[in-house]
Amino acid sequence: MRGKRDLDPSFFGLCQLILLLALIHGGRPNARFNWIFFVPIFILFSYSVFFCASDSPISDFAFIQVFVYVIPFASDYILLRSCQPELRKIGQRKPTPEMTVIERLGWAASLLVTYRGIGWAHEPTAHLPPRPTASRWKFIASQLLWMIYYFILFDVARIHSHQNPCFAIQGPSFTAFGWGWQTTVWVYIVSVYCTMSGLYAAASIVSVATGIDQPRDWPHLFGTLRNAYTVRKCWGRVWHQMLRRIFTSHSNFLAKALHLPKGTFTTYFKLFVSFFISGLMHAAPDYIFHQNFSEGTSVRFFILQAVAITFEDTVIDFASRLGCKESKASKLIGFIWVFMWFTFCMPIWLDPQLHAGTVDEKMRAKEHVSLILGLMESLKF
């Protein structure tokens, strides 16, 4: 360990259990006492981040990336539960407080595994990909094909990252070799996309095959790239929407607490609050990896996303006032803008992480198993 205690993985399970009990405890009028459940969750998480550090910074980084999700969801489902509409499943007839303990247990467990709120009243339907309509076995077959696609694409991305010095510990910045080389930051984005999508597809196969869910309960995790012609749509429609509710609920609560009137200022206030929360969530893994707040740049990176959205909204509004309408040409300009924006800002976030070793040096060496490289070697005569 790096001068501290090792992380205890059981804390994550314990926090999930406490959150489950808080949800079972009930909504109104019992929700006003739920804050008691939040205290141990916050203490266990804070202890893990600030007082623990094992000999494997990468393992710590990955664990806290998952653990950190508990805090905003616990805050939403516990602290804010009494001051927003009651959580309800679509088609739910019986109010939650009137359910039996067993009914509330199933209700709460269903909520905890549905980060995007699919099947719930707060489901962001307009921001999600279309629901699958295939039969059970056709859905499973299609998901298997998607998993193969994700694996191959991930393999290609990893092959590149192993050869790219910018991904190495103490390597050069992505900005060191000019704009063309800087575009390789997209390899990282592809890797994250494939990893998350592959795990999601595997979970969907298990859930649908066992009859727990229907295919329609598992729309794609990410939206279509056809919507990626503005930064706003990239974050609001293309990227996964697992955190959308917690950003919305906390920013709405803060705007209401400050008695901000409805209007443009409040809209952008909530936008910046949402990205600030996202930055804080990503700053926790940064801290446990670097053991300080000075080297991580997550808060800066995510605040910049709000700045970019504000800028492009202004440009779009100005263009519309001049009579410009959305067209293929405007979308093409938008795609170029989005590509350039993320090529510009991703190094701000990635350089400190990668150069400190979030891509394990062992994974970059011969220990990395590549199906594509293996096939190429086997075809050599």
Protein backbone atom coordinates (compact mmCIF):
# COMPACT_ATOMS: atom_id res chain seq x y z
CA MET A 1 0.00 0.00 0.00
CA ARG A 2 1.12 3.60 -0.68
CA GLY A 3 1.51 4.55 2.97
CA LYS A 4 -2.20 3.98 3.65
CA ARG A 5 -4.64 1.14 4.19
CA ASP A 6 -5.78 -0.95 1.24
CA LEU A 7 -9.23 -0.29 -0.16
CA ASP A 8 -11.95 -2.55 1.21
CA PRO A 9 -14.25 -3.68 -1.66
CA SER A 10 -16.91 -4.68 0.87
CA PHE A 11 -17.56 -0.98 1.54
CA PHE A 12 -19.11 -0.66 -1.91
CA GLY A 13 -21.50 -3.56 -1.26
CA LEU A 14 -22.31 -2.19 2.19
CA CYS A 15 -23.16 1.23 0.76
CA GLN A 16 -25.42 -0.38 -1.84
CA LEU A 17 -27.16 -2.29 0.94
CA ILE A 18 -27.66 0.86 3.00
CA LEU A 19 -29.08 2.65 -0.05
CA LEU A 20 -31.41 -0.29 -0.67
CA LEU A 21 -32.63 -0.08 2.93
CA ALA A 22 -33.18 3.66 2.56
CA LEU A 23 -35.37 3.09 -0.49
CA ILE A 24 -37.30 0.33 1.28
CA HIS A 25 -37.80 2.67 4.23
CA GLY A 26 -40.23 4.50 2.01
CA GLY A 27 -41.11 7.82 0.46
CA ARG A 28 -43.35 10.46 1.94
CA PRO A 29 -43.81 10.93 4.84
CA ASN A 30 -40.89 8.69 5.92
CA ALA A 31 -38.43 10.24 3.44
CA ARG A 32 -37.66 13.15 5.76
CA PHE A 33 -35.76 10.74 8.03
CA ASN A 34 -33.81 9.12 5.21
CA TRP A 35 -30.82 11.45 5.62
CA ILE A 36 -29.71 9.16 8.43
CA PHE A 37 -28.95 6.50 5.83
CA PHE A 38 -26.81 8.89 3.79
CA VAL A 39 -24.35 9.58 6.62
CA PRO A 40 -22.67 6.12 6.74
CA ILE A 41 -22.57 5.98 2.93
CA PHE A 42 -20.74 9.29 2.77
CA ILE A 43 -18.37 8.31 5.58
CA LEU A 44 -17.44 4.97 3.99
CA PHE A 45 -16.85 6.57 0.60
CA SER A 46 -14.82 9.46 2.02
CA TYR A 47 -12.70 7.08 4.06
CA SER A 48 -12.03 4.97 0.97
CA VAL A 49 -10.94 7.97 -1.12
CA PHE A 50 -8.94 9.97 1.41
CA PHE A 51 -7.56 7.37 3.80
CA CYS A 52 -6.93 4.34 1.58
CA ALA A 53 -4.40 3.62 -1.18
CA SER A 54 -3.12 0.19 -2.19
CA ASP A 55 0.05 -0.75 -4.05
CA SER A 56 -1.95 -0.74 -7.29
CA PRO A 57 -2.98 2.82 -8.16
CA ILE A 58 -4.72 1.56 -11.29
CA SER A 59 -6.91 -0.84 -9.29
CA ASP A 60 -7.74 1.94 -6.85
CA PHE A 61 -8.59 4.26 -9.74
CA ALA A 62 -10.92 1.70 -11.35
CA PHE A 63 -12.63 0.83 -8.06
CA ILE A 64 -13.36 4.44 -7.11
CA GLN A 65 -14.66 5.10 -10.64
CA VAL A 66 -17.43 2.61 -9.83
CA PHE A 67 -17.81 3.45 -6.13
CA VAL A 68 -18.29 7.17 -6.78
CA TYR A 69 -21.62 6.52 -8.51
CA VAL A 70 -23.12 5.64 -5.13
CA ILE A 71 -22.78 9.17 -3.72
CA PRO A 72 -24.87 11.21 -6.21
CA PHE A 73 -27.47 8.45 -6.50
CA ALA A 74 -27.69 8.20 -2.70
CA SER A 75 -28.01 11.98 -2.50
CA ASP A 76 -30.79 11.91 -5.10
CA TYR A 77 -32.71 8.93 -3.70
CA ILE A 78 -32.20 9.86 -0.03
CA LEU A 79 -31.54 13.57 0.56
CA LEU A 80 -33.67 14.93 -2.29
CA ARG A 81 -36.42 12.35 -2.20
CA SER A 82 -38.82 14.39 -0.08
CA CYS A 83 -38.55 17.50 -2.30
CA GLN A 84 -39.23 16.05 -5.74
CA PRO A 85 -41.90 13.86 -7.38
CA GLU A 86 -42.10 10.39 -5.86
CA LEU A 87 -40.18 7.67 -7.68
CA ARG A 88 -42.64 5.48 -9.60
CA LYS A 89 -42.41 2.69 -12.12
CA ILE A 90 -44.41 3.17 -15.30
CA GLY A 91 -47.75 1.49 -14.70
CA GLN A 92 -47.30 1.42 -10.92
CA ARG A 93 -50.73 1.63 -9.33
CA LYS A 94 -49.98 1.21 -5.65
CA PRO A 95 -48.14 4.10 -3.93
CA THR A 96 -44.77 3.01 -2.58
CA PRO A 97 -45.61 3.67 1.10
CA GLU A 98 -48.58 1.29 0.78
CA MET A 99 -46.44 -1.59 -0.52
CA THR A 100 -45.40 -4.47 1.69
CA VAL A 101 -41.72 -4.75 2.65
CA ILE A 102 -41.22 -7.54 0.08
CA GLU A 103 -42.85 -5.44 -2.63
CA ARG A 104 -40.69 -2.47 -1.73
CA LEU A 105 -37.60 -4.68 -1.81
CA GLY A 106 -38.28 -5.65 -5.42
CA TRP A 107 -39.20 -2.07 -6.25
CA ALA A 108 -35.98 -0.68 -4.75
CA ALA A 109 -33.74 -3.34 -6.32
CA SER A 110 -35.26 -2.58 -9.72
CA LEU A 111 -34.53 1.13 -9.28
CA LEU A 112 -30.91 0.58 -8.24
CA VAL A 113 -30.04 -1.39 -11.37
CA THR A 114 -31.72 1.09 -13.71
CA TYR A 115 -29.33 4.02 -13.87
CA ARG A 116 -31.09 5.51 -16.90
CA GLY A 117 -34.53 5.10 -15.36
CA ILE A 118 -35.79 2.79 -18.10
CA GLY A 119 -39.32 1.71 -17.22
CA TRP A 120 -39.69 4.47 -14.63
CA ALA A 121 -41.62 7.74 -14.69
CA HIS A 122 -38.36 9.71 -14.83
CA GLU A 123 -37.10 7.84 -17.91
CA PRO A 124 -35.53 10.40 -20.30
CA THR A 125 -37.26 8.83 -23.30
CA ALA A 126 -36.42 11.62 -25.74
CA HIS A 127 -32.72 11.25 -24.96
CA LEU A 128 -32.49 7.46 -25.31
CA PRO A 129 -32.01 5.25 -28.38
CA PRO A 130 -35.14 3.47 -29.69
CA ARG A 131 -36.37 0.46 -27.73
CA PRO A 132 -35.50 -2.92 -29.30
CA THR A 133 -38.47 -4.66 -30.92
CA ALA A 134 -36.84 -8.01 -31.74
CA SER A 135 -37.90 -11.30 -30.17
CA ARG A 136 -35.95 -12.67 -27.23
CA TRP A 137 -33.59 -14.93 -29.17
CA LYS A 138 -33.10 -12.52 -32.06
CA PHE A 139 -32.19 -9.86 -29.51
CA ILE A 140 -29.66 -12.17 -27.84
CA ALA A 141 -28.14 -13.06 -31.21
CA SER A 142 -27.87 -9.39 -32.18
CA GLN A 143 -26.24 -8.54 -28.86
CA LEU A 144 -23.69 -11.31 -29.37
CA LEU A 145 -22.82 -9.80 -32.74
CA TRP A 146 -22.52 -6.37 -31.15
CA MET A 147 -20.17 -7.83 -28.52
CA ILE A 148 -17.94 -9.24 -31.26
CA TYR A 149 -17.93 -5.83 -32.96
CA TYR A 150 -17.03 -4.07 -29.69
CA PHE A 151 -14.25 -6.56 -29.00
CA ILE A 152 -12.68 -6.14 -32.43
CA LEU A 153 -12.91 -2.35 -32.30
CA PHE A 154 -11.47 -2.33 -28.78
CA ASP A 155 -8.63 -4.59 -29.91
CA VAL A 156 -7.77 -2.20 -32.73
CA ALA A 157 -7.81 0.74 -30.30
CA ARG A 158 -5.58 -1.08 -27.83
CA ILE A 159 -3.08 -2.02 -30.53
CA HIS A 160 -2.76 1.65 -31.36
CA SER A 161 -2.50 2.79 -27.73
CA HIS A 162 0.29 0.28 -27.10
CA GLN A 163 2.32 1.82 -29.91
CA ASN A 164 1.42 5.45 -29.20
CA PRO A 165 3.98 7.08 -26.85
CA CYS A 166 1.35 9.57 -25.70
CA PHE A 167 -0.41 6.74 -23.81
CA ALA A 168 2.77 5.75 -21.97
CA ILE A 169 3.82 6.58 -18.43
CA GLN A 170 5.69 9.90 -18.50
CA GLY A 171 5.09 10.03 -22.24
CA PRO A 172 4.77 13.19 -24.35
CA SER A 173 1.59 15.22 -24.47
CA PHE A 174 -0.94 14.56 -27.22
CA THR A 175 -0.24 18.14 -28.26
CA ALA A 176 3.52 17.56 -28.68
CA PHE A 177 3.49 16.42 -32.32
CA GLY A 178 0.98 18.69 -33.97
CA TRP A 179 -2.74 18.60 -34.64
CA GLY A 180 -2.72 15.42 -36.72
CA TRP A 181 -1.19 13.39 -33.92
CA GLN A 182 -3.45 15.06 -31.39
CA THR A 183 -6.49 13.46 -33.05
CA THR A 184 -5.37 10.11 -31.61
CA VAL A 185 -7.14 11.12 -28.39
CA TRP A 186 -10.19 9.64 -30.10
CA VAL A 187 -8.65 6.21 -29.59
CA TYR A 188 -9.28 6.62 -25.87
CA ILE A 189 -12.90 7.62 -26.49
CA VAL A 190 -13.37 4.53 -28.68
CA SER A 191 -11.84 2.31 -25.96
CA VAL A 192 -14.24 3.63 -23.31
CA TYR A 193 -17.18 3.31 -25.70
CA CYS A 194 -16.33 -0.32 -26.50
CA THR A 195 -15.68 -1.29 -22.89
CA MET A 196 -18.93 0.14 -21.55
CA SER A 197 -21.00 -1.08 -24.51
CA GLY A 198 -19.53 -4.58 -24.33
CA LEU A 199 -20.28 -4.94 -20.61
CA TYR A 200 -23.78 -3.53 -21.17
CA ALA A 201 -24.44 -5.99 -24.02
CA ALA A 202 -23.27 -8.91 -21.88
CA ALA A 203 -25.57 -7.84 -19.04
CA SER A 204 -28.49 -7.50 -21.46
CA ILE A 205 -27.94 -11.04 -22.75
CA VAL A 206 -27.96 -12.50 -19.24
CA SER A 207 -30.99 -10.46 -18.18
CA VAL A 208 -33.08 -11.28 -21.26
CA ALA A 209 -32.00 -14.94 -21.48
CA THR A 210 -33.01 -15.55 -17.85
CA GLY A 211 -36.36 -13.81 -18.34
CA ILE A 212 -35.66 -11.02 -15.86
CA ASP A 213 -36.21 -8.38 -18.53
CA GLN A 214 -37.64 -8.05 -22.02
CA PRO A 215 -35.53 -6.96 -25.02
CA ARG A 216 -37.34 -3.59 -25.02
CA ASP A 217 -35.83 -2.89 -21.59
CA TRP A 218 -32.34 -2.77 -23.10
CA PRO A 219 -31.97 0.03 -25.68
CA HIS A 220 -28.40 0.67 -26.75
CA LEU A 221 -26.26 2.34 -24.12
CA PHE A 222 -25.03 5.00 -26.55
CA GLY A 223 -26.96 7.00 -29.10
CA THR A 224 -26.34 7.25 -32.82
CA LEU A 225 -23.39 9.27 -34.10
CA ARG A 226 -25.79 11.03 -36.48
CA ASN A 227 -26.64 13.30 -33.54
CA ALA A 228 -23.03 14.20 -32.83
CA TYR A 229 -23.07 17.54 -34.64
CA THR A 230 -23.17 19.67 -31.48
CA VAL A 231 -21.38 19.29 -28.17
CA ARG A 232 -24.75 19.53 -26.42
CA LYS A 233 -26.16 16.62 -28.39
CA CYS A 234 -22.95 14.63 -27.88
CA TRP A 235 -23.37 14.78 -24.12
CA GLY A 236 -27.18 14.77 -24.13
CA ARG A 237 -27.99 12.13 -26.73
CA VAL A 238 -24.92 10.29 -28.02
CA TRP A 239 -23.05 9.59 -24.79
CA HIS A 240 -24.62 7.31 -22.18
CA GLN A 241 -27.35 8.93 -20.09
CA MET A 242 -26.77 6.99 -16.87
CA LEU A 243 -26.13 10.15 -14.86
CA ARG A 244 -28.73 12.38 -16.43
CA ARG A 245 -31.27 12.15 -13.62
CA ILE A 246 -28.82 12.90 -10.81
CA PHE A 247 -27.46 15.94 -12.65
CA THR A 248 -30.98 17.20 -13.33
CA SER A 249 -32.30 16.60 -9.82
CA HIS A 250 -29.35 18.29 -8.08
CA SER A 251 -29.19 21.28 -10.41
CA ASN A 252 -32.97 21.77 -10.17
CA PHE A 253 -32.80 21.57 -6.38
CA LEU A 254 -29.99 24.12 -6.17
CA ALA A 255 -31.74 26.52 -8.56
CA LYS A 256 -34.92 26.24 -6.51
CA ALA A 257 -33.06 26.67 -3.22
CA LEU A 258 -31.50 29.88 -4.58
CA HIS A 259 -34.94 31.06 -5.80
CA LEU A 260 -33.66 31.55 -9.32
CA PRO A 261 -36.38 32.61 -11.75
CA LYS A 262 -37.05 30.59 -14.87
CA GLY A 263 -35.12 31.89 -17.82
CA THR A 264 -31.87 31.79 -19.74
CA PHE A 265 -29.63 32.45 -16.76
CA THR A 266 -31.15 29.63 -14.73
CA THR A 267 -30.94 27.24 -17.68
CA TYR A 268 -27.21 27.81 -18.03
CA PHE A 269 -26.72 27.88 -14.27
CA LYS A 270 -28.09 24.33 -14.15
CA LEU A 271 -25.92 23.35 -17.11
CA PHE A 272 -22.76 24.47 -15.31
CA VAL A 273 -23.86 22.84 -12.05
CA SER A 274 -24.43 19.54 -13.86
CA PHE A 275 -20.98 19.52 -15.42
CA PHE A 276 -19.41 20.64 -12.15
CA ILE A 277 -20.97 17.63 -10.42
CA SER A 278 -19.64 15.41 -13.18
CA GLY A 279 -16.20 16.95 -12.68
CA LEU A 280 -16.33 16.25 -8.95
CA MET A 281 -17.32 12.64 -9.61
CA HIS A 282 -14.33 12.16 -11.88
CA ALA A 283 -12.05 14.04 -9.48
CA ALA A 284 -12.44 11.34 -6.81
CA PRO A 285 -10.65 8.65 -8.90
CA ASP A 286 -8.08 11.31 -9.84
CA TYR A 287 -7.36 11.94 -6.17
CA ILE A 288 -6.90 8.34 -5.14
CA PHE A 289 -4.61 7.80 -8.12
CA HIS A 290 -2.43 10.91 -7.74
CA GLN A 291 -2.94 11.27 -3.96
CA ASN A 292 -3.54 14.98 -4.45
CA PHE A 293 -6.01 17.36 -6.10
CA SER A 294 -3.44 19.38 -8.01
CA GLU A 295 -2.61 16.88 -10.77
CA GLY A 296 -6.11 15.84 -11.80
CA THR A 297 -7.94 18.03 -14.31
CA SER A 298 -11.42 16.51 -14.31
CA VAL A 299 -13.27 19.53 -12.91
CA ARG A 300 -11.59 21.83 -15.42
CA PHE A 301 -12.36 19.49 -18.31
CA PHE A 302 -16.06 19.13 -17.52
CA ILE A 303 -16.59 22.82 -16.83
CA LEU A 304 -15.09 23.43 -20.28
CA GLN A 305 -17.89 21.30 -21.75
CA ALA A 306 -20.45 23.71 -20.32
CA VAL A 307 -18.46 26.62 -21.75
CA ALA A 308 -18.42 24.97 -25.20
CA ILE A 309 -22.17 24.32 -25.10
CA THR A 310 -22.84 27.92 -24.08
CA PHE A 311 -20.66 29.13 -26.95
CA GLU A 312 -22.28 26.93 -29.58
CA ASP A 313 -25.78 27.79 -28.34
CA THR A 314 -24.90 31.45 -28.82
CA VAL A 315 -23.60 30.82 -32.33
CA ILE A 316 -26.66 28.74 -33.27
CA ASP A 317 -29.01 31.38 -31.90
CA PHE A 318 -27.19 34.12 -33.81
CA ALA A 319 -27.30 32.08 -37.03
CA SER A 320 -31.02 31.40 -36.62
CA ARG A 321 -31.65 35.13 -36.19
CA LEU A 322 -29.93 35.65 -39.53
CA GLY A 323 -32.37 33.20 -41.11
CA CYS A 324 -30.08 30.16 -41.22
CA LYS A 325 -31.84 26.83 -40.79
CA GLU A 326 -30.56 23.37 -39.95
CA SER A 327 -29.36 21.63 -43.09
CA LYS A 328 -26.89 19.01 -44.25
CA ALA A 329 -24.29 21.75 -44.67
CA SER A 330 -24.84 23.08 -41.14
CA LYS A 331 -24.64 19.57 -39.72
CA LEU A 332 -21.38 18.97 -41.58
CA ILE A 333 -19.98 22.15 -40.03
CA GLY A 334 -21.25 20.86 -36.69
CA PHE A 335 -19.50 17.50 -37.05
CA ILE A 336 -16.23 19.28 -37.85
CA TRP A 337 -16.69 21.58 -34.85
CA VAL A 338 -17.36 18.65 -32.50
CA PHE A 339 -14.35 16.71 -33.80
CA MET A 340 -12.09 19.72 -33.38
CA TRP A 341 -13.46 20.54 -29.93
CA PHE A 342 -12.83 17.12 -28.40
CA THR A 343 -9.48 16.85 -30.18
CA PHE A 344 -8.57 20.15 -28.50
CA CYS A 345 -9.90 19.51 -24.98
CA MET A 346 -9.33 15.78 -24.41
CA PRO A 347 -5.55 16.17 -23.84
CA ILE A 348 -6.34 18.50 -20.94
CA TRP A 349 -8.03 15.57 -19.21
CA LEU A 350 -6.01 12.64 -20.53
CA ASP A 351 -2.41 13.83 -20.29
CA PRO A 352 -2.23 13.81 -16.45
CA GLN A 353 -4.02 10.44 -16.22
CA LEU A 354 -2.16 8.53 -18.89
CA HIS A 355 1.28 9.89 -18.10
CA ALA A 356 0.82 8.90 -14.47
CA GLY A 357 -0.01 5.34 -15.54
CA THR A 358 -3.77 4.79 -15.82
CA VAL A 359 -2.91 2.66 -18.85
CA ASP A 360 -0.87 0.00 -17.08
CA GLU A 361 2.63 -0.40 -18.48
CA LYS A 362 2.18 -4.17 -18.26
CA MET A 363 -0.88 -3.91 -20.48
CA ARG A 364 1.22 -2.02 -23.01
CA ALA A 365 3.89 -4.73 -23.13
CA LYS A 366 3.95 -8.32 -24.33
CA GLU A 367 1.42 -9.41 -21.71
CA HIS A 368 -1.32 -7.76 -23.77
CA VAL A 369 -3.29 -10.39 -25.66
CA SER A 370 -4.56 -9.25 -29.04
CA LEU A 371 -6.78 -11.43 -31.20
CA ILE A 372 -5.94 -9.43 -34.31
CA LEU A 373 -2.18 -9.57 -33.72
CA GLY A 374 -2.48 -13.25 -32.91
CA LEU A 375 -4.26 -13.96 -36.17
CA MET A 376 -1.70 -11.93 -38.10
CA GLU A 377 1.14 -13.90 -36.50
CA SER A 378 -0.54 -17.22 -37.25
CA LEU A 379 -0.89 -16.27 -40.93
CA LYS A 380 2.81 -15.62 -41.31
CA PHE A 381 4.69 -18.35 -43.13
